[in-house]
Amino acid sequence: MLKFLSKVRIEFNALDPRIASCMEFLAQCNAPKAKESNPACQIQVKRRTDDHPPEIKVTFVTGAEEVFDATSTSAHTIRNMILEKGQMLENEQMFRDAGLNWPVLIPDEELQQPMAGIKKDKLKSTLLIAASYRLYFHVLSEFLSISAFLYLFFVFAAKKCSSGLQAGADNQRLTEII
């Protein structure tokens, strides 16, 4: 995560009960694996004394800054957002290194065209087959649970009947119970 960042600034009031996200994110930034990914990344912690809500400011290696409200956003979500933006920055850099324009613009006409190699009828039939398999497995699972119940019922009934009865009378007694 830190490999995409040049600076992290975490601001919070230590007495504020909403600092869980800040503390978790700080722990993730201070992890040895994270520091190894980018030792040049500056991690700053500012402890405030006012009622300002906890926030996390990150500066990407490209210079772009982003501020996260740590009261309503979990550390996991913030980390995922940073990773997504970092992947996008990596893709952009790869395109620029290859001499291609960024962002890649796809004309609306091409977006409206059907995908090559997929016929509409085949797509519909594939979706119908998938739906029928789903229904089949649902019915099968219901049947198996009923079968398991009946099997256990018969085993239990057979044990009840066999206590004190002769072997030949077990079947007759079992059918009477059912």
N, C-alpha and C. Protein backbone atom coordinates (compact mmCIF):
# COMPACT_ATOMS: atom_id res chain seq x y z
N MET A 1 0.83 -1.19 0.00
CA MET A 1 0.00 0.00 0.00
C MET A 1 0.88 1.25 0.00
N LEU A 2 1.95 1.28 0.81
CA LEU A 2 2.78 2.47 0.90
C LEU A 2 3.60 2.71 -0.36
N LYS A 3 3.72 1.71 -1.22
CA LYS A 3 4.54 1.90 -2.43
C LYS A 3 3.92 2.94 -3.37
N PHE A 4 2.63 3.20 -3.22
CA PHE A 4 1.96 4.20 -4.05
C PHE A 4 1.97 5.58 -3.41
N LEU A 5 2.41 5.68 -2.16
CA LEU A 5 2.30 6.92 -1.40
C LEU A 5 3.67 7.54 -1.13
N SER A 6 3.69 8.87 -1.06
CA SER A 6 4.92 9.55 -0.67
C SER A 6 4.79 10.13 0.74
N LYS A 7 3.54 10.34 1.19
CA LYS A 7 3.34 10.94 2.51
C LYS A 7 1.98 10.51 3.06
N VAL A 8 1.95 10.22 4.36
CA VAL A 8 0.71 9.90 5.06
C VAL A 8 0.65 10.80 6.28
N ARG A 9 -0.45 11.50 6.46
CA ARG A 9 -0.63 12.36 7.63
C ARG A 9 -1.92 11.94 8.32
N ILE A 10 -1.80 11.55 9.58
CA ILE A 10 -2.95 11.08 10.36
C ILE A 10 -3.18 12.08 11.48
N GLU A 11 -4.39 12.64 11.54
CA GLU A 11 -4.74 13.63 12.56
C GLU A 11 -5.91 13.12 13.38
N PHE A 12 -5.75 13.19 14.71
CA PHE A 12 -6.84 12.75 15.58
C PHE A 12 -6.63 13.32 16.98
N ASN A 13 -7.72 13.37 17.74
CA ASN A 13 -7.67 13.71 19.15
C ASN A 13 -7.62 12.40 19.92
N ALA A 14 -6.65 12.25 20.78
CA ALA A 14 -6.46 10.98 21.49
C ALA A 14 -7.64 10.63 22.39
N LEU A 15 -8.42 11.62 22.81
CA LEU A 15 -9.56 11.36 23.69
C LEU A 15 -10.85 11.11 22.91
N ASP A 16 -10.80 11.24 21.62
CA ASP A 16 -11.97 11.05 20.77
C ASP A 16 -12.26 9.56 20.61
N PRO A 17 -13.49 9.11 20.87
CA PRO A 17 -13.78 7.67 20.73
C PRO A 17 -13.86 7.19 19.28
N ARG A 18 -13.76 8.10 18.32
CA ARG A 18 -13.89 7.72 16.91
C ARG A 18 -12.55 7.48 16.22
N ILE A 19 -11.49 7.22 16.99
CA ILE A 19 -10.16 7.13 16.39
C ILE A 19 -9.75 5.71 16.00
N ALA A 20 -10.65 4.76 16.10
CA ALA A 20 -10.29 3.37 15.82
C ALA A 20 -9.72 3.20 14.42
N SER A 21 -10.32 3.84 13.45
CA SER A 21 -9.87 3.72 12.07
C SER A 21 -8.47 4.31 11.90
N CYS A 22 -8.22 5.45 12.54
CA CYS A 22 -6.89 6.07 12.47
C CYS A 22 -5.83 5.17 13.07
N MET A 23 -6.12 4.61 14.22
CA MET A 23 -5.13 3.77 14.90
C MET A 23 -4.85 2.50 14.10
N GLU A 24 -5.88 1.92 13.52
CA GLU A 24 -5.69 0.71 12.71
C GLU A 24 -4.88 1.03 11.46
N PHE A 25 -5.18 2.16 10.83
CA PHE A 25 -4.44 2.55 9.63
C PHE A 25 -2.98 2.86 9.97
N LEU A 26 -2.75 3.51 11.11
CA LEU A 26 -1.39 3.79 11.56
C LEU A 26 -0.62 2.50 11.80
N ALA A 27 -1.29 1.52 12.40
CA ALA A 27 -0.65 0.22 12.63
C ALA A 27 -0.29 -0.45 11.30
N GLN A 28 -1.17 -0.35 10.31
CA GLN A 28 -0.88 -0.92 8.99
C GLN A 28 0.31 -0.22 8.34
N CYS A 29 0.39 1.10 8.51
CA CYS A 29 1.50 1.85 7.92
C CYS A 29 2.83 1.54 8.60
N ASN A 30 2.79 1.27 9.90
CA ASN A 30 4.01 0.99 10.65
C ASN A 30 4.43 -0.47 10.59
N ALA A 31 3.67 -1.30 9.93
CA ALA A 31 4.03 -2.72 9.80
C ALA A 31 5.33 -2.83 9.02
N PRO A 32 6.20 -3.77 9.41
CA PRO A 32 7.50 -3.91 8.72
C PRO A 32 7.37 -4.15 7.22
N LYS A 33 6.41 -4.96 6.82
CA LYS A 33 6.23 -5.27 5.40
C LYS A 33 5.85 -4.01 4.62
N ALA A 34 5.00 -3.17 5.22
CA ALA A 34 4.59 -1.93 4.55
C ALA A 34 5.77 -0.97 4.43
N LYS A 35 6.57 -0.86 5.49
CA LYS A 35 7.71 0.05 5.45
C LYS A 35 8.76 -0.42 4.44
N GLU A 36 8.89 -1.73 4.29
CA GLU A 36 9.85 -2.26 3.31
C GLU A 36 9.42 -1.93 1.88
N SER A 37 8.11 -1.85 1.64
CA SER A 37 7.64 -1.58 0.28
C SER A 37 7.99 -0.17 -0.18
N ASN A 38 8.09 0.79 0.76
CA ASN A 38 8.48 2.16 0.41
C ASN A 38 9.06 2.85 1.64
N PRO A 39 10.36 2.69 1.87
CA PRO A 39 10.97 3.31 3.05
C PRO A 39 10.97 4.84 2.98
N ALA A 40 10.83 5.42 1.79
CA ALA A 40 10.87 6.87 1.64
C ALA A 40 9.54 7.54 2.02
N CYS A 41 8.50 6.77 2.21
CA CYS A 41 7.19 7.34 2.54
C CYS A 41 7.23 7.93 3.95
N GLN A 42 6.83 9.20 4.06
CA GLN A 42 6.80 9.88 5.35
C GLN A 42 5.47 9.60 6.04
N ILE A 43 5.54 9.20 7.29
CA ILE A 43 4.33 8.97 8.08
C ILE A 43 4.33 9.99 9.21
N GLN A 44 3.35 10.89 9.19
CA GLN A 44 3.24 11.93 10.19
C GLN A 44 1.97 11.72 11.00
N VAL A 45 2.11 11.89 12.31
CA VAL A 45 0.96 11.78 13.20
C VAL A 45 0.80 13.11 13.91
N LYS A 46 -0.38 13.70 13.82
CA LYS A 46 -0.66 14.95 14.51
C LYS A 46 -1.77 14.69 15.52
N ARG A 47 -1.43 14.87 16.77
CA ARG A 47 -2.41 14.70 17.84
C ARG A 47 -3.04 16.06 18.11
N ARG A 48 -4.32 16.12 17.95
CA ARG A 48 -5.05 17.38 18.10
C ARG A 48 -5.66 17.46 19.49
N THR A 49 -6.01 18.67 19.90
CA THR A 49 -6.66 18.87 21.20
C THR A 49 -8.06 19.44 21.04
N ASP A 50 -8.46 19.71 19.80
CA ASP A 50 -9.80 20.25 19.56
C ASP A 50 -10.76 19.13 19.16
N ASP A 51 -11.96 19.51 18.78
CA ASP A 51 -12.99 18.52 18.41
C ASP A 51 -12.98 18.18 16.93
N HIS A 52 -11.93 18.48 16.24
CA HIS A 52 -11.83 18.18 14.81
C HIS A 52 -11.93 16.67 14.61
N PRO A 53 -12.76 16.22 13.66
CA PRO A 53 -12.91 14.77 13.48
C PRO A 53 -11.61 14.13 12.96
N PRO A 54 -11.38 12.88 13.31
CA PRO A 54 -10.17 12.21 12.84
C PRO A 54 -10.15 12.11 11.32
N GLU A 55 -8.98 12.34 10.73
CA GLU A 55 -8.87 12.26 9.28
C GLU A 55 -7.49 11.75 8.88
N ILE A 56 -7.45 11.18 7.70
CA ILE A 56 -6.22 10.63 7.14
C ILE A 56 -6.00 11.30 5.79
N LYS A 57 -4.83 11.95 5.65
CA LYS A 57 -4.47 12.60 4.39
C LYS A 57 -3.33 11.79 3.77
N VAL A 58 -3.49 11.43 2.52
CA VAL A 58 -2.43 10.70 1.84
C VAL A 58 -2.02 11.48 0.59
N THR A 59 -0.72 11.44 0.30
CA THR A 59 -0.19 12.05 -0.91
C THR A 59 0.41 10.93 -1.75
N PHE A 60 -0.08 10.78 -2.95
CA PHE A 60 0.42 9.74 -3.84
C PHE A 60 1.75 10.18 -4.45
N VAL A 61 2.49 9.23 -5.00
CA VAL A 61 3.80 9.54 -5.59
C VAL A 61 3.67 10.50 -6.76
N THR A 62 2.51 10.60 -7.36
CA THR A 62 2.28 11.54 -8.47
C THR A 62 2.01 12.95 -7.97
N GLY A 63 1.81 13.11 -6.67
CA GLY A 63 1.52 14.41 -6.09
C GLY A 63 0.05 14.62 -5.77
N ALA A 64 -0.79 13.72 -6.22
CA ALA A 64 -2.23 13.83 -5.94
C ALA A 64 -2.48 13.58 -4.45
N GLU A 65 -3.35 14.39 -3.87
CA GLU A 65 -3.68 14.25 -2.45
C GLU A 65 -5.12 13.80 -2.30
N GLU A 66 -5.34 13.05 -1.23
CA GLU A 66 -6.70 12.60 -0.94
C GLU A 66 -6.89 12.61 0.57
N VAL A 67 -8.05 13.06 1.01
CA VAL A 67 -8.36 13.14 2.44
C VAL A 67 -9.52 12.19 2.72
N PHE A 68 -9.34 11.36 3.77
CA PHE A 68 -10.37 10.40 4.16
C PHE A 68 -10.90 10.77 5.53
N ASP A 69 -12.22 10.75 5.67
CA ASP A 69 -12.86 10.96 6.97
C ASP A 69 -12.80 9.65 7.73
N ALA A 70 -12.00 9.61 8.78
CA ALA A 70 -11.78 8.36 9.50
C ALA A 70 -12.91 8.02 10.46
N THR A 71 -13.88 8.92 10.62
CA THR A 71 -15.01 8.59 11.50
C THR A 71 -15.99 7.66 10.81
N SER A 72 -16.13 7.81 9.50
CA SER A 72 -17.13 7.02 8.78
C SER A 72 -16.54 6.00 7.83
N THR A 73 -15.21 5.93 7.74
CA THR A 73 -14.57 5.01 6.81
C THR A 73 -13.61 4.12 7.58
N SER A 74 -13.73 2.82 7.37
CA SER A 74 -12.85 1.88 8.08
C SER A 74 -11.46 1.90 7.47
N ALA A 75 -10.48 1.45 8.24
CA ALA A 75 -9.10 1.39 7.76
C ALA A 75 -8.99 0.45 6.56
N HIS A 76 -9.74 -0.62 6.59
CA HIS A 76 -9.73 -1.59 5.49
C HIS A 76 -10.22 -0.93 4.20
N THR A 77 -11.28 -0.15 4.29
CA THR A 77 -11.83 0.54 3.13
C THR A 77 -10.85 1.57 2.60
N ILE A 78 -10.21 2.31 3.49
CA ILE A 78 -9.22 3.31 3.08
C ILE A 78 -8.06 2.63 2.36
N ARG A 79 -7.60 1.52 2.91
CA ARG A 79 -6.50 0.77 2.30
C ARG A 79 -6.89 0.30 0.90
N ASN A 80 -8.11 -0.24 0.76
CA ASN A 80 -8.57 -0.69 -0.56
C ASN A 80 -8.67 0.45 -1.56
N MET A 81 -9.14 1.62 -1.10
CA MET A 81 -9.22 2.78 -2.00
C MET A 81 -7.83 3.20 -2.47
N ILE A 82 -6.86 3.18 -1.56
CA ILE A 82 -5.49 3.54 -1.93
C ILE A 82 -4.93 2.54 -2.92
N LEU A 83 -5.18 1.26 -2.69
CA LEU A 83 -4.68 0.23 -3.61
C LEU A 83 -5.31 0.36 -4.99
N GLU A 84 -6.61 0.65 -5.05
CA GLU A 84 -7.29 0.83 -6.34
C GLU A 84 -6.71 2.02 -7.11
N LYS A 85 -6.55 3.14 -6.40
CA LYS A 85 -5.99 4.32 -7.06
C LYS A 85 -4.55 4.07 -7.47
N GLY A 86 -3.79 3.35 -6.64
CA GLY A 86 -2.41 3.02 -6.97
C GLY A 86 -2.31 2.15 -8.21
N GLN A 87 -3.21 1.18 -8.33
CA GLN A 87 -3.23 0.34 -9.53
C GLN A 87 -3.53 1.18 -10.77
N MET A 88 -4.44 2.13 -10.61
CA MET A 88 -4.78 2.99 -11.74
C MET A 88 -3.58 3.86 -12.12
N LEU A 89 -2.85 4.35 -11.12
CA LEU A 89 -1.66 5.15 -11.41
C LEU A 89 -0.59 4.32 -12.10
N GLU A 90 -0.44 3.06 -11.69
CA GLU A 90 0.51 2.16 -12.34
C GLU A 90 0.13 1.93 -13.80
N ASN A 91 -1.16 1.69 -14.04
CA ASN A 91 -1.63 1.49 -15.42
C ASN A 91 -1.37 2.73 -16.27
N GLU A 92 -1.65 3.89 -15.70
CA GLU A 92 -1.42 5.14 -16.41
C GLU A 92 0.06 5.29 -16.77
N GLN A 93 0.93 4.97 -15.83
CA GLN A 93 2.36 5.08 -16.08
C GLN A 93 2.82 4.10 -17.16
N MET A 94 2.27 2.89 -17.15
CA MET A 94 2.63 1.92 -18.19
C MET A 94 2.23 2.42 -19.57
N PHE A 95 1.04 3.02 -19.69
CA PHE A 95 0.60 3.56 -20.97
C PHE A 95 1.52 4.70 -21.42
N ARG A 96 1.87 5.57 -20.49
CA ARG A 96 2.72 6.71 -20.85
C ARG A 96 4.12 6.24 -21.24
N ASP A 97 4.65 5.22 -20.54
CA ASP A 97 5.97 4.67 -20.88
C ASP A 97 5.96 4.04 -22.27
N ALA A 98 4.82 3.47 -22.65
CA ALA A 98 4.69 2.84 -23.97
C ALA A 98 4.40 3.86 -25.06
N GLY A 99 4.24 5.14 -24.69
CA GLY A 99 3.98 6.18 -25.68
C GLY A 99 2.53 6.28 -26.10
N LEU A 100 1.63 5.71 -25.32
CA LEU A 100 0.21 5.75 -25.64
C LEU A 100 -0.48 6.85 -24.84
N ASN A 101 -1.60 7.32 -25.36
CA ASN A 101 -2.37 8.35 -24.67
C ASN A 101 -3.09 7.77 -23.46
N TRP A 102 -3.23 8.61 -22.43
CA TRP A 102 -3.99 8.24 -21.26
C TRP A 102 -4.95 9.37 -20.98
N PRO A 103 -6.16 9.18 -20.65
CA PRO A 103 -6.87 7.91 -20.56
C PRO A 103 -7.25 7.40 -21.94
N VAL A 104 -7.46 6.12 -22.01
CA VAL A 104 -7.87 5.49 -23.26
C VAL A 104 -9.34 5.82 -23.47
N LEU A 105 -9.64 6.46 -24.58
CA LEU A 105 -11.02 6.84 -24.87
C LEU A 105 -11.63 5.84 -25.83
N ILE A 106 -12.75 5.27 -25.43
CA ILE A 106 -13.47 4.32 -26.27
C ILE A 106 -14.72 5.03 -26.76
N PRO A 107 -14.89 5.12 -28.08
CA PRO A 107 -16.08 5.80 -28.62
C PRO A 107 -17.37 5.10 -28.18
N ASP A 108 -18.43 5.91 -28.03
CA ASP A 108 -19.72 5.37 -27.62
C ASP A 108 -20.25 4.32 -28.58
N GLU A 109 -19.96 4.47 -29.87
CA GLU A 109 -20.44 3.50 -30.85
C GLU A 109 -19.87 2.11 -30.55
N GLU A 110 -18.60 2.07 -30.16
CA GLU A 110 -17.98 0.78 -29.85
C GLU A 110 -18.53 0.19 -28.56
N LEU A 111 -18.87 1.03 -27.62
CA LEU A 111 -19.42 0.53 -26.37
C LEU A 111 -20.80 -0.09 -26.57
N GLN A 112 -21.55 0.42 -27.56
CA GLN A 112 -22.90 -0.08 -27.81
C GLN A 112 -22.92 -1.34 -28.66
N GLN A 113 -21.80 -1.67 -29.29
CA GLN A 113 -21.75 -2.84 -30.16
C GLN A 113 -21.75 -4.12 -29.32
N PRO A 114 -22.39 -5.18 -29.84
CA PRO A 114 -22.35 -6.46 -29.11
C PRO A 114 -20.93 -7.02 -29.12
N MET A 115 -20.64 -7.81 -28.12
CA MET A 115 -19.31 -8.40 -28.03
C MET A 115 -19.11 -9.40 -29.16
N ALA A 116 -17.94 -9.41 -29.72
CA ALA A 116 -17.64 -10.31 -30.83
C ALA A 116 -17.64 -11.76 -30.35
N GLY A 117 -18.24 -12.64 -31.15
CA GLY A 117 -18.23 -14.06 -30.81
C GLY A 117 -19.37 -14.51 -29.94
N ILE A 118 -20.20 -13.60 -29.46
CA ILE A 118 -21.33 -13.99 -28.61
C ILE A 118 -22.61 -13.63 -29.34
N LYS A 119 -23.40 -14.63 -29.64
CA LYS A 119 -24.69 -14.40 -30.29
C LYS A 119 -25.74 -14.22 -29.21
N LYS A 120 -26.72 -13.38 -29.49
CA LYS A 120 -27.74 -13.10 -28.50
C LYS A 120 -28.53 -14.34 -28.12
N ASP A 121 -28.88 -15.18 -29.11
CA ASP A 121 -29.64 -16.39 -28.82
C ASP A 121 -28.83 -17.34 -27.94
N LYS A 122 -27.54 -17.47 -28.24
CA LYS A 122 -26.69 -18.36 -27.46
C LYS A 122 -26.56 -17.84 -26.03
N LEU A 123 -26.45 -16.53 -25.88
CA LEU A 123 -26.37 -15.94 -24.56
C LEU A 123 -27.63 -16.22 -23.76
N LYS A 124 -28.80 -16.06 -24.39
CA LYS A 124 -30.07 -16.34 -23.70
C LYS A 124 -30.16 -17.80 -23.30
N SER A 125 -29.78 -18.71 -24.21
CA SER A 125 -29.86 -20.13 -23.88
C SER A 125 -28.88 -20.49 -22.78
N THR A 126 -27.71 -19.87 -22.77
CA THR A 126 -26.74 -20.13 -21.71
C THR A 126 -27.29 -19.68 -20.37
N LEU A 127 -27.93 -18.52 -20.34
CA LEU A 127 -28.52 -18.03 -19.10
C LEU A 127 -29.65 -18.93 -18.63
N LEU A 128 -30.46 -19.44 -19.57
CA LEU A 128 -31.54 -20.35 -19.20
C LEU A 128 -30.99 -21.66 -18.64
N ILE A 129 -29.94 -22.18 -19.25
CA ILE A 129 -29.33 -23.42 -18.76
C ILE A 129 -28.78 -23.20 -17.36
N ALA A 130 -28.11 -22.07 -17.14
CA ALA A 130 -27.56 -21.78 -15.81
C ALA A 130 -28.67 -21.68 -14.78
N ALA A 131 -29.79 -21.05 -15.14
CA ALA A 131 -30.91 -20.94 -14.20
C ALA A 131 -31.53 -22.30 -13.92
N SER A 132 -31.63 -23.16 -14.94
CA SER A 132 -32.21 -24.48 -14.71
C SER A 132 -31.30 -25.34 -13.84
N TYR A 133 -29.99 -25.23 -14.02
CA TYR A 133 -29.06 -25.97 -13.14
C TYR A 133 -29.19 -25.49 -11.70
N ARG A 134 -29.34 -24.20 -11.53
CA ARG A 134 -29.50 -23.65 -10.18
C ARG A 134 -30.75 -24.21 -9.53
N LEU A 135 -31.86 -24.25 -10.28
CA LEU A 135 -33.11 -24.82 -9.76
C LEU A 135 -32.93 -26.30 -9.46
N TYR A 136 -32.26 -27.02 -10.35
CA TYR A 136 -32.02 -28.46 -10.16
C TYR A 136 -31.26 -28.71 -8.87
N PHE A 137 -30.20 -27.96 -8.63
CA PHE A 137 -29.42 -28.17 -7.42
C PHE A 137 -30.20 -27.78 -6.17
N HIS A 138 -31.06 -26.78 -6.27
CA HIS A 138 -31.90 -26.41 -5.14
C HIS A 138 -32.86 -27.54 -4.79
N VAL A 139 -33.52 -28.09 -5.82
CA VAL A 139 -34.45 -29.20 -5.60
C VAL A 139 -33.70 -30.42 -5.07
N LEU A 140 -32.53 -30.69 -5.63
CA LEU A 140 -31.73 -31.83 -5.18
C LEU A 140 -31.33 -31.68 -3.72
N SER A 141 -30.93 -30.48 -3.31
CA SER A 141 -30.53 -30.29 -1.92
C SER A 141 -31.73 -30.46 -0.99
N GLU A 142 -32.91 -29.99 -1.41
CA GLU A 142 -34.12 -30.20 -0.62
C GLU A 142 -34.43 -31.69 -0.51
N PHE A 143 -34.32 -32.41 -1.63
CA PHE A 143 -34.60 -33.83 -1.64
C PHE A 143 -33.63 -34.58 -0.73
N LEU A 144 -32.35 -34.21 -0.78
CA LEU A 144 -31.36 -34.88 0.05
C LEU A 144 -31.61 -34.64 1.52
N SER A 145 -32.04 -33.43 1.88
CA SER A 145 -32.32 -33.18 3.29
C SER A 145 -33.55 -33.97 3.74
N ILE A 146 -34.56 -34.13 2.88
CA ILE A 146 -35.73 -34.94 3.21
C ILE A 146 -35.34 -36.40 3.29
N SER A 147 -34.51 -36.86 2.35
CA SER A 147 -34.06 -38.26 2.37
C SER A 147 -33.28 -38.57 3.63
N ALA A 148 -32.41 -37.65 4.02
CA ALA A 148 -31.63 -37.87 5.24
C ALA A 148 -32.55 -37.94 6.45
N PHE A 149 -33.57 -37.08 6.48
CA PHE A 149 -34.52 -37.10 7.59
C PHE A 149 -35.26 -38.44 7.64
N LEU A 150 -35.75 -38.90 6.49
CA LEU A 150 -36.47 -40.18 6.46
C LEU A 150 -35.58 -41.34 6.87
N TYR A 151 -34.33 -41.33 6.43
CA TYR A 151 -33.40 -42.39 6.80
C TYR A 151 -33.22 -42.42 8.32
N LEU A 152 -32.98 -41.25 8.91
CA LEU A 152 -32.80 -41.20 10.36
C LEU A 152 -34.07 -41.62 11.09
N PHE A 153 -35.23 -41.24 10.55
CA PHE A 153 -36.49 -41.62 11.16
C PHE A 153 -36.65 -43.14 11.17
N PHE A 154 -36.35 -43.78 10.03
CA PHE A 154 -36.48 -45.23 9.96
C PHE A 154 -35.48 -45.94 10.86
N VAL A 155 -34.27 -45.43 10.95
CA VAL A 155 -33.28 -46.04 11.84
C VAL A 155 -33.74 -45.92 13.28
N PHE A 156 -34.23 -44.75 13.66
CA PHE A 156 -34.71 -44.55 15.02
C PHE A 156 -35.91 -45.45 15.31
N ALA A 157 -36.84 -45.52 14.37
CA ALA A 157 -38.03 -46.35 14.56
C ALA A 157 -37.65 -47.82 14.64
N ALA A 158 -36.68 -48.25 13.84
CA ALA A 158 -36.25 -49.65 13.87
C ALA A 158 -35.63 -49.99 15.21
N LYS A 159 -34.87 -49.07 15.77
CA LYS A 159 -34.25 -49.32 17.08
C LYS A 159 -35.31 -49.39 18.17
N LYS A 160 -36.32 -48.53 18.08
CA LYS A 160 -37.40 -48.55 19.07
C LYS A 160 -38.18 -49.86 18.98
N CYS A 161 -38.44 -50.32 17.76
CA CYS A 161 -39.22 -51.54 17.56
C CYS A 161 -38.45 -52.77 17.99
N SER A 162 -37.16 -52.77 17.75
CA SER A 162 -36.39 -53.98 18.02
C SER A 162 -36.17 -54.21 19.51
N SER A 163 -36.38 -53.22 20.32
CA SER A 163 -36.21 -53.44 21.75
C SER A 163 -37.40 -54.24 22.29
N GLY A 164 -37.15 -55.48 22.62
CA GLY A 164 -38.17 -56.35 23.21
C GLY A 164 -39.03 -57.07 22.21
N LEU A 165 -38.85 -56.92 20.89
CA LEU A 165 -39.66 -57.61 19.90
C LEU A 165 -38.81 -58.62 19.16
N GLN A 166 -39.48 -59.59 18.57
CA GLN A 166 -38.78 -60.58 17.77
C GLN A 166 -38.42 -59.96 16.43
N ALA A 167 -37.43 -60.57 15.76
CA ALA A 167 -36.96 -60.05 14.48
C ALA A 167 -38.06 -60.06 13.44
N GLY A 168 -38.92 -61.07 13.40
CA GLY A 168 -39.97 -61.15 12.40
C GLY A 168 -41.06 -60.12 12.62
N ALA A 169 -41.30 -59.73 13.85
CA ALA A 169 -42.36 -58.78 14.16
C ALA A 169 -41.90 -57.33 13.99
N ASP A 170 -40.58 -57.13 13.80
CA ASP A 170 -40.07 -55.76 13.67
C ASP A 170 -40.67 -55.04 12.48
N ASN A 171 -40.73 -55.70 11.35
CA ASN A 171 -41.24 -55.06 10.14
C ASN A 171 -42.71 -54.69 10.29
N GLN A 172 -43.49 -55.57 10.93
CA GLN A 172 -44.90 -55.28 11.11
C GLN A 172 -45.06 -54.11 12.07
N ARG A 173 -44.30 -54.09 13.14
CA ARG A 173 -44.37 -53.01 14.12
C ARG A 173 -43.92 -51.68 13.49
N LEU A 174 -42.89 -51.76 12.66
CA LEU A 174 -42.37 -50.57 12.00
C LEU A 174 -43.41 -49.95 11.08
N THR A 175 -44.13 -50.78 10.34
CA THR A 175 -45.17 -50.26 9.44
C THR A 175 -46.33 -49.69 10.23
N GLU A 176 -46.59 -50.22 11.42
CA GLU A 176 -47.67 -49.66 12.24
C GLU A 176 -47.30 -48.28 12.77
N ILE A 177 -46.01 -48.10 13.08
CA ILE A 177 -45.57 -46.79 13.59
C ILE A 177 -45.69 -45.72 12.52
N ILE A 178 -45.34 -46.11 11.30
CA ILE A 178 -45.36 -45.15 10.20
C ILE A 178 -46.79 -44.84 9.84
